[in-house]
Amino acid sequence: MEKASVVERTSQYYREVRAETRKVVWPDLRRTGLYTLSVLIMVGILTLLIYLADLLFGALLSHV
């Protein structure tokens, strides 16, 4: 049994990737906007929590 050439294997790989990409259900623009907004809100909340923890630890360590 012969091993396929690099060109044949690469070509086969890209055909398979293309076939799988066609199966993906892409979100619509509205849903993408909602996902983006959710991520931005969570990043904002986590940033605020880390900032507050930094202030708390900074205040505690300044008194030591």
N, C-alpha and C. Protein backbone atom coordinates (compact mmCIF):
# COMPACT_ATOMS: atom_id res chain seq x y z
N MET A 1 0.84 -1.17 0.00
CA MET A 1 0.00 0.00 0.00
C MET A 1 0.90 1.24 0.00
N GLU A 2 0.66 2.13 -0.96
CA GLU A 2 1.47 3.34 -1.07
C GLU A 2 0.90 4.44 -0.19
N LYS A 3 1.81 5.22 0.35
CA LYS A 3 1.41 6.37 1.14
C LYS A 3 1.11 7.53 0.19
N ALA A 4 0.02 8.25 0.47
CA ALA A 4 -0.36 9.38 -0.40
C ALA A 4 0.69 10.47 -0.29
N SER A 5 0.84 11.22 -1.37
CA SER A 5 1.84 12.29 -1.37
C SER A 5 1.38 13.43 -0.46
N VAL A 6 2.32 14.29 -0.14
CA VAL A 6 2.04 15.43 0.73
C VAL A 6 0.96 16.31 0.09
N VAL A 7 1.04 16.51 -1.19
CA VAL A 7 0.05 17.34 -1.89
C VAL A 7 -1.34 16.72 -1.79
N GLU A 8 -1.43 15.41 -1.99
CA GLU A 8 -2.73 14.73 -1.91
C GLU A 8 -3.30 14.78 -0.50
N ARG A 9 -2.45 14.56 0.50
CA ARG A 9 -2.92 14.61 1.89
C ARG A 9 -3.36 16.01 2.28
N THR A 10 -2.60 17.01 1.85
CA THR A 10 -2.96 18.40 2.15
C THR A 10 -4.28 18.76 1.47
N SER A 11 -4.43 18.37 0.23
CA SER A 11 -5.65 18.63 -0.50
C SER A 11 -6.85 17.97 0.17
N GLN A 12 -6.68 16.73 0.58
CA GLN A 12 -7.75 16.00 1.27
C GLN A 12 -8.10 16.70 2.59
N TYR A 13 -7.10 17.14 3.32
CA TYR A 13 -7.32 17.84 4.59
C TYR A 13 -8.18 19.08 4.37
N TYR A 14 -7.85 19.92 3.39
CA TYR A 14 -8.61 21.13 3.14
C TYR A 14 -10.03 20.85 2.65
N ARG A 15 -10.22 19.78 1.88
CA ARG A 15 -11.57 19.39 1.47
C ARG A 15 -12.41 19.01 2.69
N GLU A 16 -11.82 18.27 3.62
CA GLU A 16 -12.53 17.87 4.83
C GLU A 16 -12.84 19.06 5.72
N VAL A 17 -11.90 19.99 5.84
CA VAL A 17 -12.14 21.19 6.64
C VAL A 17 -13.29 21.99 6.06
N ARG A 18 -13.30 22.14 4.73
CA ARG A 18 -14.37 22.87 4.07
C ARG A 18 -15.72 22.19 4.29
N ALA A 19 -15.75 20.88 4.21
CA ALA A 19 -17.00 20.14 4.42
C ALA A 19 -17.50 20.32 5.85
N GLU A 20 -16.61 20.28 6.81
CA GLU A 20 -17.01 20.45 8.21
C GLU A 20 -17.47 21.88 8.48
N THR A 21 -16.82 22.86 7.86
CA THR A 21 -17.19 24.26 8.06
C THR A 21 -18.59 24.52 7.54
N ARG A 22 -19.00 23.84 6.49
CA ARG A 22 -20.35 24.01 5.95
C ARG A 22 -21.40 23.49 6.93
N LYS A 23 -21.03 22.58 7.82
CA LYS A 23 -21.98 22.02 8.77
C LYS A 23 -22.22 22.92 9.98
N VAL A 24 -21.35 23.90 10.17
CA VAL A 24 -21.44 24.77 11.34
C VAL A 24 -22.68 25.65 11.23
N VAL A 25 -23.41 25.79 12.33
CA VAL A 25 -24.56 26.69 12.37
C VAL A 25 -24.05 28.02 12.94
N TRP A 26 -23.94 29.01 12.08
CA TRP A 26 -23.40 30.30 12.49
C TRP A 26 -24.50 31.14 13.13
N PRO A 27 -24.19 31.87 14.21
CA PRO A 27 -25.22 32.71 14.84
C PRO A 27 -25.55 33.92 13.96
N ASP A 28 -26.79 34.40 14.11
CA ASP A 28 -27.17 35.58 13.36
C ASP A 28 -26.60 36.83 14.03
N LEU A 29 -26.77 37.97 13.39
CA LEU A 29 -26.17 39.22 13.86
C LEU A 29 -26.70 39.60 15.24
N ARG A 30 -27.99 39.43 15.48
CA ARG A 30 -28.58 39.78 16.78
C ARG A 30 -27.97 38.95 17.91
N ARG A 31 -27.89 37.66 17.67
CA ARG A 31 -27.34 36.77 18.70
C ARG A 31 -25.85 37.08 18.95
N THR A 32 -25.12 37.38 17.89
CA THR A 32 -23.71 37.73 18.03
C THR A 32 -23.57 39.00 18.87
N GLY A 33 -24.44 39.96 18.65
CA GLY A 33 -24.43 41.19 19.44
C GLY A 33 -24.72 40.92 20.90
N LEU A 34 -25.68 40.03 21.17
CA LEU A 34 -26.01 39.68 22.55
C LEU A 34 -24.85 38.97 23.23
N TYR A 35 -24.19 38.07 22.50
CA TYR A 35 -23.04 37.38 23.07
C TYR A 35 -21.92 38.37 23.38
N THR A 36 -21.70 39.29 22.47
CA THR A 36 -20.64 40.29 22.66
C THR A 36 -20.96 41.15 23.87
N LEU A 37 -22.20 41.61 23.98
CA LEU A 37 -22.61 42.42 25.13
C LEU A 37 -22.45 41.64 26.44
N SER A 38 -22.82 40.37 26.44
CA SER A 38 -22.66 39.54 27.65
C SER A 38 -21.20 39.44 28.06
N VAL A 39 -20.33 39.23 27.10
CA VAL A 39 -18.90 39.13 27.40
C VAL A 39 -18.38 40.46 27.96
N LEU A 40 -18.76 41.56 27.34
CA LEU A 40 -18.30 42.87 27.82
C LEU A 40 -18.80 43.17 29.23
N ILE A 41 -20.04 42.80 29.54
CA ILE A 41 -20.57 43.00 30.89
C ILE A 41 -19.80 42.16 31.90
N MET A 42 -19.54 40.89 31.56
CA MET A 42 -18.79 40.03 32.48
C MET A 42 -17.37 40.53 32.69
N VAL A 43 -16.73 41.00 31.63
CA VAL A 43 -15.38 41.56 31.75
C VAL A 43 -15.41 42.78 32.67
N GLY A 44 -16.42 43.62 32.51
CA GLY A 44 -16.56 44.80 33.37
C GLY A 44 -16.74 44.43 34.83
N ILE A 45 -17.59 43.44 35.09
CA ILE A 45 -17.84 43.00 36.47
C ILE A 45 -16.56 42.42 37.07
N LEU A 46 -15.88 41.56 36.33
CA LEU A 46 -14.64 40.97 36.86
C LEU A 46 -13.55 42.02 37.06
N THR A 47 -13.49 42.99 36.17
CA THR A 47 -12.51 44.08 36.33
C THR A 47 -12.80 44.84 37.61
N LEU A 48 -14.06 45.14 37.87
CA LEU A 48 -14.45 45.85 39.09
C LEU A 48 -14.11 45.03 40.33
N LEU A 49 -14.38 43.73 40.30
CA LEU A 49 -14.07 42.89 41.46
C LEU A 49 -12.57 42.82 41.73
N ILE A 50 -11.79 42.69 40.68
CA ILE A 50 -10.33 42.64 40.87
C ILE A 50 -9.82 43.98 41.38
N TYR A 51 -10.36 45.09 40.87
CA TYR A 51 -9.97 46.42 41.33
C TYR A 51 -10.29 46.59 42.81
N LEU A 52 -11.49 46.16 43.22
CA LEU A 52 -11.87 46.29 44.62
C LEU A 52 -11.00 45.40 45.52
N ALA A 53 -10.68 44.20 45.06
CA ALA A 53 -9.80 43.32 45.84
C ALA A 53 -8.42 43.94 45.96
N ASP A 54 -7.93 44.57 44.90
CA ASP A 54 -6.63 45.24 44.92
C ASP A 54 -6.64 46.39 45.93
N LEU A 55 -7.71 47.17 45.93
CA LEU A 55 -7.82 48.26 46.90
C LEU A 55 -7.83 47.72 48.33
N LEU A 56 -8.59 46.65 48.56
CA LEU A 56 -8.69 46.06 49.90
C LEU A 56 -7.33 45.54 50.36
N PHE A 57 -6.66 44.75 49.51
CA PHE A 57 -5.35 44.21 49.91
C PHE A 57 -4.31 45.31 50.03
N GLY A 58 -4.40 46.32 49.21
CA GLY A 58 -3.47 47.44 49.31
C GLY A 58 -3.65 48.18 50.63
N ALA A 59 -4.90 48.39 51.05
CA ALA A 59 -5.17 49.05 52.31
C ALA A 59 -4.72 48.19 53.50
N LEU A 60 -4.96 46.90 53.41
CA LEU A 60 -4.55 46.00 54.50
C LEU A 60 -3.03 45.93 54.63
N LEU A 61 -2.35 45.86 53.51
CA LEU A 61 -0.89 45.74 53.55
C LEU A 61 -0.19 47.05 53.90
N SER A 62 -0.85 48.18 53.67
CA SER A 62 -0.22 49.47 54.01
C SER A 62 -0.20 49.68 55.51
N HIS A 63 -1.05 48.96 56.24
CA HIS A 63 -1.09 49.09 57.71
C HIS A 63 -0.19 48.07 58.41
N VAL A 64 0.50 47.25 57.66
CA VAL A 64 1.35 46.22 58.27
C VAL A 64 2.74 46.75 58.48
